[in-house]
Protein backbone atom coordinates (compact mmCIF):
# COMPACT_ATOMS: atom_id res chain seq x y z
CA MET A 1 117.36 89.18 30.78
CA PRO A 2 117.44 93.01 30.10
CA ALA A 3 114.76 95.05 29.70
CA ARG A 4 113.72 95.81 25.88
CA THR A 5 110.86 97.50 24.66
CA THR A 6 110.56 97.43 20.75
CA ARG A 7 109.14 95.13 18.12
CA LEU A 8 112.38 93.14 17.58
CA LEU A 9 112.32 90.80 20.57
CA THR A 10 108.41 90.93 20.84
CA LEU A 11 108.42 87.30 19.74
CA LEU A 12 111.06 86.18 21.99
CA VAL A 13 108.88 87.50 24.85
CA ALA A 14 106.01 85.27 23.62
CA LEU A 15 108.18 82.32 23.15
CA LEU A 16 110.10 82.34 26.13
CA ALA A 17 107.38 83.59 28.63
CA SER A 18 107.08 79.81 29.94
CA ALA A 19 110.62 79.73 30.05
CA GLY A 20 111.26 82.39 33.02
CA PRO A 21 112.80 85.63 32.03
CA THR A 22 111.37 88.30 29.90
CA LEU A 23 112.47 90.88 27.45
CA THR A 24 111.36 94.56 27.04
CA ALA A 25 113.06 96.74 24.53
CA GLY A 26 114.12 100.23 23.26
CA CYS A 27 116.05 99.95 20.10
CA ALA A 28 116.76 103.08 17.95
CA ALA A 29 115.91 103.37 14.24
CA SER A 30 116.87 105.69 11.79
CA THR A 31 114.71 108.90 11.71
CA PRO A 32 114.58 112.32 9.81
CA SER A 33 116.46 115.08 11.18
CA SER A 34 113.38 117.00 10.88
CA SER A 35 109.53 116.70 11.25
CA PRO A 36 107.87 116.29 7.66
CA PRO A 37 104.61 118.30 7.07
CA VAL A 38 102.03 116.67 9.26
CA ALA A 39 98.42 116.37 8.32
CA THR A 40 96.13 118.47 10.15
CA GLY A 41 93.91 115.92 11.34
CA SER A 42 90.67 117.45 10.08
CA VAL A 43 87.71 115.60 9.66
CA ALA A 44 87.11 114.56 6.07
CA ASP A 45 83.59 114.61 4.64
CA GLY A 46 81.81 111.65 4.03
CA PRO A 47 82.23 107.70 5.47
CA TRP A 48 85.29 106.03 6.19
CA SER A 49 86.02 102.45 6.22
CA PHE A 50 89.44 100.05 6.29
CA THR A 51 89.54 96.28 6.20
CA ASP A 52 92.39 95.35 8.61
CA ASP A 53 94.63 92.23 8.28
CA LEU A 54 92.16 90.44 10.42
CA GLY A 55 89.49 90.80 7.80
CA LYS A 56 87.62 93.24 10.22
CA THR A 57 86.16 96.27 8.59
CA VAL A 58 85.70 99.27 10.66
CA THR A 59 83.30 102.00 9.29
CA LEU A 60 82.76 105.40 10.68
CA ASP A 61 80.78 108.55 9.32
CA HIS A 62 84.01 110.52 8.83
CA ARG A 63 87.61 109.81 8.70
CA PRO A 64 89.35 109.12 11.95
CA ALA A 65 90.67 112.48 13.32
CA THR A 66 92.00 111.23 16.65
CA VAL A 67 94.02 107.92 16.39
CA VAL A 68 95.84 106.43 18.99
CA ALA A 69 98.48 104.10 17.66
CA LEU A 70 100.93 101.43 18.75
CA THR A 71 104.36 103.20 18.94
CA ASP A 72 105.59 101.04 16.08
CA VAL A 73 102.63 102.07 13.93
CA ALA A 74 102.97 105.87 15.13
CA VAL A 75 106.48 106.36 13.87
CA SER A 76 105.30 105.26 10.64
CA MET A 77 102.28 107.71 10.72
CA LEU A 78 104.78 110.73 11.49
CA ALA A 79 107.18 109.79 8.77
CA TYR A 80 104.27 110.05 6.53
CA GLY A 81 103.03 113.22 7.66
CA VAL A 82 100.09 112.04 9.71
CA ARG A 83 99.99 112.84 13.43
CA PRO A 84 98.49 110.40 16.13
CA ALA A 85 96.80 111.75 18.87
CA GLY A 86 98.05 109.34 21.27
CA VAL A 87 100.42 106.23 21.57
CA PHE A 88 100.91 103.17 23.59
CA GLY A 89 103.11 99.97 23.42
CA ARG A 90 106.35 98.87 25.14
CA THR A 91 108.17 102.28 24.59
CA ASN A 92 107.01 105.93 25.32
CA LEU A 93 107.66 109.00 23.38
CA ASP A 94 110.47 110.21 25.86
CA THR A 95 112.38 106.51 25.77
CA ASP A 96 111.89 105.53 22.22
CA GLN A 97 114.86 107.02 19.93
CA ARG A 98 112.85 106.27 16.95
CA PHE A 99 110.75 109.30 17.55
CA THR A 100 113.87 111.47 17.48
CA GLY A 101 113.56 114.39 15.01
CA PHE A 102 109.79 114.32 14.92
CA ASP A 103 107.56 116.86 16.61
CA VAL A 104 105.60 114.94 19.42
CA ALA A 105 104.41 117.74 21.66
CA GLY A 106 100.81 117.38 22.33
CA ILE A 107 101.00 113.66 21.57
CA THR A 108 99.61 111.54 24.63
CA ASP A 109 101.34 108.39 26.21
CA VAL A 110 98.68 106.48 27.18
CA ASP A 111 100.33 104.09 29.17
CA ALA A 112 103.37 104.06 31.57
CA SER A 113 104.71 100.72 30.56
CA TYR A 114 103.70 97.87 28.33
CA GLY A 115 99.78 96.76 28.96
CA ASP A 116 99.46 99.53 31.40
CA ILE A 117 96.93 101.44 29.46
CA ASP A 118 95.12 103.98 31.38
CA LEU A 119 91.54 103.39 30.22
CA GLU A 120 90.27 106.60 31.79
CA LYS A 121 92.88 108.76 29.87
CA LEU A 122 92.11 106.80 26.81
CA ALA A 123 88.45 107.32 27.12
CA ALA A 124 88.91 111.12 27.92
CA MET A 125 90.52 111.62 24.49
CA ALA A 126 87.36 110.31 22.75
CA PRO A 127 89.64 108.31 20.07
CA ASP A 128 87.92 107.37 16.66
CA LEU A 129 90.19 104.74 16.17
CA ILE A 130 92.99 102.53 17.91
CA VAL A 131 95.68 100.99 15.78
CA THR A 132 97.75 97.90 16.70
CA GLN A 133 99.85 95.01 15.47
CA GLY A 134 99.31 91.18 15.46
CA TYR A 135 101.81 88.44 15.77
CA PRO A 136 101.53 84.60 15.05
CA SER A 137 102.84 82.18 17.50
CA LYS A 138 104.18 79.63 14.93
CA THR A 139 105.95 79.48 11.58
CA GLY A 140 103.88 80.25 8.80
CA GLY A 141 100.99 81.16 11.09
CA ALA A 142 98.29 83.73 11.11
CA VAL A 143 97.92 86.22 13.98
CA ASP A 144 97.31 84.14 17.13
CA GLY A 145 93.80 85.09 18.02
CA SER A 146 93.94 83.22 21.37
CA ALA A 147 96.30 86.05 22.63
CA PRO A 148 96.12 89.70 23.07
CA LEU A 149 96.98 91.97 20.31
CA TYR A 150 100.49 93.77 20.73
CA GLY A 151 100.19 96.33 23.24
CA PHE A 152 97.43 95.06 25.38
CA ALA A 153 98.19 93.26 28.92
CA ASP A 154 95.37 90.54 28.02
CA LEU A 155 92.20 89.86 26.34
CA ALA A 156 90.07 91.66 29.04
CA GLN A 157 91.87 95.06 28.62
CA GLN A 158 91.74 94.43 24.82
CA ASP A 159 88.01 94.17 25.17
CA LYS A 160 87.57 97.28 27.31
CA VAL A 161 89.84 99.32 24.85
CA ALA A 162 87.49 98.13 21.86
CA LYS A 163 84.73 99.46 23.65
CA ILE A 164 86.19 103.13 23.60
CA ALA A 165 87.00 102.88 19.78
CA PRO A 166 87.38 100.13 17.32
CA ILE A 167 90.62 98.58 16.69
CA VAL A 168 92.44 98.00 13.36
CA THR A 169 95.36 95.64 13.20
CA ILE A 170 98.35 95.19 10.97
CA ALA A 171 99.63 91.53 10.98
CA ILE A 172 103.39 91.06 11.30
CA VAL A 173 103.39 87.90 8.90
CA GLY A 174 104.94 86.97 5.90
CA ASN A 175 107.06 89.05 3.92
CA GLY A 176 107.82 92.56 5.24
CA ALA A 177 107.06 94.23 1.84
CA ARG A 178 103.36 93.28 2.62
CA VAL A 179 103.40 94.84 6.19
CA ILE A 180 105.13 97.98 4.80
CA GLU A 181 102.54 98.10 1.95
CA ARG A 182 99.65 97.44 4.24
CA THR A 183 100.87 100.14 6.89
CA ALA A 184 101.19 102.45 4.05
CA ASP A 185 97.42 101.54 3.07
CA LEU A 186 96.06 102.38 6.44
CA ILE A 187 98.04 105.78 6.83
CA VAL A 188 96.80 106.65 3.26
CA ALA A 189 93.41 105.95 4.48
CA LEU A 190 93.99 108.17 7.48
CA GLY A 191 94.95 111.27 5.50
CA ALA A 192 98.69 110.73 3.97
CA SER A 193 98.91 111.35 0.41
CA ALA A 194 100.30 108.15 -1.65
CA ASP A 195 101.53 110.52 -4.58
CA ALA A 196 103.58 113.08 -3.00
CA GLY A 197 105.13 114.11 0.04
CA PRO A 198 107.07 112.11 2.51
CA LEU A 199 105.39 108.59 1.55
CA ALA A 200 105.98 108.80 -2.10
CA ASP A 201 109.65 110.24 -1.45
CA GLY A 202 110.27 107.37 0.96
CA LYS A 203 109.03 104.73 -1.67
CA ARG A 204 111.54 106.22 -4.14
CA ALA A 205 114.35 106.09 -1.39
CA TYR A 206 113.41 102.64 -0.45
CA ASP A 207 113.26 101.35 -4.18
CA ALA A 208 116.71 102.67 -4.47
CA ALA A 209 118.12 101.08 -1.35
CA THR A 210 116.47 97.61 -1.94
CA ALA A 211 118.10 97.73 -5.27
CA LYS A 212 121.42 98.54 -3.76
CA LEU A 213 121.03 95.76 -1.26
CA THR A 214 120.32 93.31 -3.96
CA ALA A 215 123.63 94.43 -5.90
CA ALA A 216 125.63 94.22 -2.74
CA ALA A 217 124.13 90.72 -1.96
CA ALA A 218 125.33 89.31 -5.01
CA ASN A 219 128.93 88.98 -3.21
CA GLY A 220 127.58 85.69 -1.39
CA VAL A 221 127.95 86.96 2.25
CA THR A 222 126.18 84.94 4.56
CA VAL A 223 124.15 87.12 7.34
CA GLN A 224 123.77 85.94 11.12
CA THR A 225 121.11 87.66 13.07
CA MET A 226 121.37 87.42 17.00
CA TYR A 227 120.49 88.65 20.36
CA ALA A 228 123.02 87.83 22.94
CA GLU A 229 123.08 88.18 26.84
CA ALA A 230 125.18 86.52 29.69
CA GLY A 231 123.63 82.99 29.56
CA ASN A 232 122.92 82.47 25.81
CA VAL A 233 122.39 83.66 22.47
CA TYR A 234 119.58 83.77 20.43
CA VAL A 235 119.75 83.29 16.72
CA ALA A 236 116.87 84.36 14.53
CA LYS A 237 115.42 82.51 11.83
CA ALA A 238 115.04 84.81 8.82
CA GLY A 239 111.93 82.90 7.62
CA ASP A 240 109.99 83.94 10.73
CA ASP A 241 110.68 87.58 10.76
CA PRO A 242 108.94 89.62 8.17
CA THR A 243 111.77 92.20 7.95
CA LEU A 244 114.61 89.56 7.54
CA THR A 245 112.32 87.59 5.00
CA LEU A 246 112.12 90.99 2.96
CA TYR A 247 115.67 91.29 2.91
CA ALA A 248 116.18 87.49 1.80
CA SER A 249 113.66 88.21 -1.22
CA LEU A 250 116.21 90.86 -2.21
CA GLY A 251 119.06 88.13 -2.50
CA LEU A 252 120.43 88.41 1.05
CA ARG A 253 121.56 84.99 2.32
CA PHE A 254 121.01 84.26 6.17
CA VAL A 255 122.02 81.75 8.50
CA GLU A 256 119.18 79.31 9.31
CA PRO A 257 119.48 77.50 12.44
CA LYS A 258 118.31 73.92 12.40
CA THR A 259 115.97 74.24 15.27
CA LYS A 260 112.28 73.48 15.07
CA ASN A 261 111.41 75.99 17.53
CA TYR A 262 109.67 79.37 16.24
CA TYR A 263 111.62 82.42 15.48
CA TRP A 264 114.81 81.82 17.70
CA ASP A 265 117.25 79.12 18.22
CA ILE A 266 118.90 79.35 21.83
CA VAL A 267 122.53 78.60 21.85
CA SER A 268 124.72 78.51 24.67
CA TRP A 269 127.97 80.62 24.41
CA GLU A 270 130.01 77.20 24.23
CA ASP A 271 128.35 76.27 21.12
CA TYR A 272 127.98 79.63 19.54
CA ASP A 273 130.88 78.90 17.34
CA SER A 274 128.98 76.25 15.52
CA ILE A 275 126.55 78.82 14.28
CA GLY A 276 128.37 80.53 11.33
CA GLY A 277 127.78 83.57 9.39
CA ASP A 278 130.20 85.95 7.56
CA LEU A 279 128.64 89.00 8.95
CA VAL A 280 126.81 89.14 12.00
CA LEU A 281 123.87 91.51 12.88
CA TYR A 282 123.49 91.98 16.40
CA SER A 283 120.76 93.52 18.64
CA PRO A 284 122.23 96.29 20.49
CA GLU A 285 119.70 95.99 23.21
CA GLY A 286 121.53 92.80 24.43
CA PHE A 287 125.16 92.79 24.05
CA ASP A 288 126.84 95.67 22.53
CA LYS A 289 129.87 94.93 20.20
CA ALA A 290 132.46 95.71 22.90
CA ARG A 291 130.76 93.10 25.22
CA LEU A 292 130.32 90.56 22.48
CA MET A 293 134.00 90.89 21.67
CA LYS A 294 134.75 89.96 25.21
CA GLN A 295 133.11 86.55 24.81
CA PRO A 296 135.84 84.28 23.64
CA THR A 297 133.75 82.17 21.46
CA PHE A 298 132.30 85.17 19.65
CA ALA A 299 135.85 86.92 19.22
CA ALA A 300 137.07 83.61 17.71
CA THR A 301 134.67 83.66 14.70
CA PRO A 302 135.78 84.70 11.36
CA ALA A 303 133.20 87.53 11.34
CA ALA A 304 134.54 88.90 14.48
CA LYS A 305 138.19 88.90 13.43
CA ALA A 306 137.11 90.55 9.99
CA GLY A 307 135.22 93.19 11.80
CA GLN A 308 131.89 92.45 9.93
CA VAL A 309 129.76 92.99 12.99
CA HIS A 310 127.13 95.52 12.85
CA PRO A 311 123.88 96.60 14.65
CA TRP A 312 120.42 95.09 14.14
CA LEU A 313 118.06 97.66 14.64
CA SER A 314 114.14 97.22 15.21
CA THR A 315 112.92 99.53 12.44
CA ALA A 316 109.42 100.65 11.70
CA MET A 317 107.69 99.11 8.80
CA ASP A 318 107.48 102.21 6.61
CA TYR A 319 109.38 103.19 3.48
CA VAL A 320 110.96 106.09 5.08
CA THR A 321 112.50 104.21 7.78
CA GLN A 322 113.39 100.92 5.95
CA ALA A 323 115.20 103.03 3.14
CA ALA A 324 117.60 104.24 5.76
CA TYR A 325 118.25 101.02 7.23
CA VAL A 326 118.40 99.01 4.19
CA ASP A 327 120.72 101.52 2.38
CA GLN A 328 123.06 101.04 5.70
CA LEU A 329 122.89 97.27 5.53
CA ALA A 330 123.61 97.37 1.74
CA GLY A 331 126.89 99.09 2.59
CA TRP A 332 127.88 96.80 5.27
CA VAL A 333 127.16 93.66 2.96
CA SER A 334 128.93 95.25 0.05
CA ALA A 335 132.05 95.80 2.12
CA ALA A 336 131.83 92.49 3.72
CA LYS A 337 133.68 89.42 2.35
CA PRO A 338 132.70 85.85 2.29
CA LEU A 339 134.76 84.17 5.05
CA SER A 340 134.06 80.42 4.45
C-alpha cells in the first residue's frame, strides 16, 4: 500500500493495521493564495481555560502563546489567523500541500515522520499547549481511549508529551459541522476573532457553499467515495466519516456499502462494478484518475463513461477550507446526471 499522511485514510490505517499493509498520506486541500493576518501570539491577561471533546478542562494562568498542533489543526489555525509555534503528525510543513499559501517560516516540525516526536526539541520550545485530534474505532463510537490520540506513536509517548504541556483534543466523530464548530471554538479561545477577519469571512463563504451543495444535490445524483490500489478498492461508509456525514446532511446522497465493518468496505477489482454510484470521488493518494481508467471494471462503470469522476480531498475542518471544497463539490454534483 502506498504512503499516505493526511487525515483521510487515518481510519484505514487503524482498521487494517492487523491485516498487514499500512497507509500514510499527503493529500492537498484548498488554501488561500496569500496568508491571512496572523495573531501575534502575545500572552493575554488573566486565566485561560478550555474544555476539550474528551471532557478534559485545561486551565492556565494566561492564554497559550506557544502552541504545538497536529498538522490537521495547524492548517485551520493559520486559516483563522492564529500561528502555531510547532506542528506534528503524518505530514510535515514542507510536504503537506495544505500549507501552500501560508507563511510557515519559524514554525517548527517536532517530528520527522508520524509518531517520531523529538521530545527534547518539543520540551525546548516550552509549549503552553499541545493540540491534537481523536478518532473512534467503531460506528457511532466515541474516541477510543485505549489507543493513542492522533499523532502519537503509543500511549507511553503520549504520556511523555503530556508531561511537557497539557493536551487538548478535538474528536473527529459525528457530523462534521460539529467538528468544524469545535475547531473554531478552540482557535477563537487561542486568539482568533469570531466576529471579523478570516473566520467570519470563511463562515460566510461556507454558508454560501453549503447552500449551493444543497441546491445541487436536489438532482438526485448518488456519490461513491473510494480509495483504490492495485489489490483492492476501499469504499467509504459516509455515516462513519464526519465530513461525508456533513455533506449528507446537506442533501447529498451516498452509496452505502452493506458491510458491517467500520468505515471501509474492502472490494476486489473483480467485484467493483457492483458498487454503483452516479459520481465517483476518489482519493488521489491512491490510484489517480488515469490509473483508475486503466482498470477495466472501473472504466466500464456508468460514472467513468460519463466522466463523472473527481478527487476526494482530505480537507481541514475549518470554514475556510471546507468552503472551497464544498463549492467545488457542488459544481461537480450540479453538472452530473443520475445514471441509474
